Amino acid sequence: MSKDLSLNSDLDVIFENGDVQQLTDDDEIYQRVCTTLRTRLSEFDPDTEVGLDDENIYGKNVKKRLSGNRY
């Protein structure tokens, strides 16, 4: 079972009594999906001069019409 840090609506880590709060199971999945959806398309502009490319983010074989014609 994996764990993730619990984040508030401002994406700050939640502490309770000095301890970092963690999420598991459905709460973890919900937070991961919400965090991913908050990330705006085209927010990340990879620097191809240092070896980064869109494939690192969007995965292999992404259809051009879904990728915002970035390829």
C-alpha atoms as a PDB file:
ATOM      1  CA  MET A   1       0.000   0.000   0.000  1.00  0.00           C
ATOM      2  CA  SER A   2       1.408   3.375  -0.939  1.00  0.00           C
ATOM      3  CA  LYS A   3       1.068   6.566   1.030  1.00  0.00           C
ATOM      4  CA  ASP A   4       1.059  10.210   0.036  1.00  0.00           C
ATOM      5  CA  LEU A   5       1.358  13.472   1.931  1.00  0.00           C
ATOM      6  CA  SER A   6      -1.966  15.087   2.745  1.00  0.00           C
ATOM      7  CA  LEU A   7      -2.344  18.489   1.055  1.00  0.00           C
ATOM      8  CA  ASN A   8      -4.780  21.315   1.717  1.00  0.00           C
ATOM      9  CA  SER A   9      -6.592  23.294  -1.002  1.00  0.00           C
ATOM     10  CA  ASP A  10      -3.513  25.528  -1.437  1.00  0.00           C
ATOM     11  CA  LEU A  11      -1.396  22.389  -2.014  1.00  0.00           C
ATOM     12  CA  ASP A  12       0.455  22.905   1.271  1.00  0.00           C
ATOM     13  CA  VAL A  13       1.392  19.863   3.355  1.00  0.00           C
ATOM     14  CA  ILE A  14      -0.942  19.352   6.320  1.00  0.00           C
ATOM     15  CA  PHE A  15       0.629  19.022   9.775  1.00  0.00           C
ATOM     16  CA  GLU A  16      -1.228  17.906  12.889  1.00  0.00           C
ATOM     17  CA  ASN A  17       0.468  18.043  16.290  1.00  0.00           C
ATOM     18  CA  GLY A  18       3.792  18.497  14.493  1.00  0.00           C
ATOM     19  CA  ASP A  19       3.366  15.357  12.364  1.00  0.00           C
ATOM     20  CA  VAL A  20       2.890  15.265   8.602  1.00  0.00           C
ATOM     21  CA  GLN A  21      -0.507  13.816   7.733  1.00  0.00           C
ATOM     22  CA  GLN A  22      -0.596  11.006   5.183  1.00  0.00           C
ATOM     23  CA  LEU A  23      -3.246   9.632   2.856  1.00  0.00           C
ATOM     24  CA  THR A  24      -3.903   6.077   1.736  1.00  0.00           C
ATOM     25  CA  ASP A  25      -6.363   4.191  -0.434  1.00  0.00           C
ATOM     26  CA  ASP A  26      -9.263   6.191  -1.938  1.00  0.00           C
ATOM     27  CA  ASP A  27      -8.209   9.488  -0.349  1.00  0.00           C
ATOM     28  CA  GLU A  28      -4.772   9.185  -1.925  1.00  0.00           C
ATOM     29  CA  ILE A  29      -6.219   8.442  -5.359  1.00  0.00           C
ATOM     30  CA  TYR A  30      -8.667  11.356  -5.064  1.00  0.00           C
ATOM     31  CA  GLN A  31      -5.878  13.768  -4.130  1.00  0.00           C
ATOM     32  CA  ARG A  32      -3.637  12.562  -6.964  1.00  0.00           C
ATOM     33  CA  VAL A  33      -6.389  12.966  -9.547  1.00  0.00           C
ATOM     34  CA  CYS A  34      -7.302  16.438  -8.276  1.00  0.00           C
ATOM     35  CA  THR A  35      -3.663  17.540  -8.265  1.00  0.00           C
ATOM     36  CA  THR A  36      -3.191  16.272 -11.803  1.00  0.00           C
ATOM     37  CA  LEU A  37      -6.316  18.056 -13.017  1.00  0.00           C
ATOM     38  CA  ARG A  38      -5.124  21.313 -11.435  1.00  0.00           C
ATOM     39  CA  THR A  39      -2.024  21.195 -13.604  1.00  0.00           C
ATOM     40  CA  ARG A  40      -2.800  23.241 -16.678  1.00  0.00           C
ATOM     41  CA  LEU A  41      -2.069  21.899 -20.126  1.00  0.00           C
ATOM     42  CA  SER A  42       1.065  23.523 -21.544  1.00  0.00           C
ATOM     43  CA  GLU A  43       2.141  24.707 -18.094  1.00  0.00           C
ATOM     44  CA  PHE A  44       5.347  22.736 -18.465  1.00  0.00           C
ATOM     45  CA  ASP A  45       7.551  23.726 -21.376  1.00  0.00           C
ATOM     46  CA  PRO A  46      10.336  21.134 -21.613  1.00  0.00           C
ATOM     47  CA  ASP A  47      13.825  22.349 -22.427  1.00  0.00           C
ATOM     48  CA  THR A  48      14.885  20.109 -25.304  1.00  0.00           C
ATOM     49  CA  GLU A  49      18.438  21.433 -25.071  1.00  0.00           C
ATOM     50  CA  VAL A  50      18.937  19.524 -21.823  1.00  0.00           C
ATOM     51  CA  GLY A  51      17.193  16.341 -22.966  1.00  0.00           C
ATOM     52  CA  LEU A  52      13.611  16.901 -21.840  1.00  0.00           C
ATOM     53  CA  ASP A  53      10.733  16.367 -24.208  1.00  0.00           C
ATOM     54  CA  ASP A  54       6.940  16.104 -24.193  1.00  0.00           C
ATOM     55  CA  GLU A  55       7.097  12.307 -24.098  1.00  0.00           C
ATOM     56  CA  ASN A  56       8.300  12.536 -20.482  1.00  0.00           C
ATOM     57  CA  ILE A  57       4.962  14.064 -19.526  1.00  0.00           C
ATOM     58  CA  TYR A  58       2.382  12.824 -21.986  1.00  0.00           C
ATOM     59  CA  GLY A  59       3.751   9.312 -22.523  1.00  0.00           C
ATOM     60  CA  LYS A  60       4.411   7.412 -25.691  1.00  0.00           C
ATOM     61  CA  ASN A  61       2.019   7.228 -28.632  1.00  0.00           C
ATOM     62  CA  VAL A  62      -0.177  10.141 -27.542  1.00  0.00           C
ATOM     63  CA  LYS A  63      -2.548  11.152 -30.292  1.00  0.00           C
ATOM     64  CA  LYS A  64      -1.713  14.545 -31.764  1.00  0.00           C
ATOM     65  CA  ARG A  65      -5.278  15.830 -31.473  1.00  0.00           C
ATOM     66  CA  LEU A  66      -5.178  15.163 -27.700  1.00  0.00           C
ATOM     67  CA  SER A  67      -1.755  16.681 -27.127  1.00  0.00           C
ATOM     68  CA  GLY A  68      -2.595  20.208 -28.233  1.00  0.00           C
ATOM     69  CA  ASN A  69      -0.587  19.705 -31.445  1.00  0.00           C
ATOM     70  CA  ARG A  70       2.663  20.056 -29.511  1.00  0.00           C
ATOM     71  CA  TYR A  71       4.398  17.367 -31.588  1.00  0.00           C
END
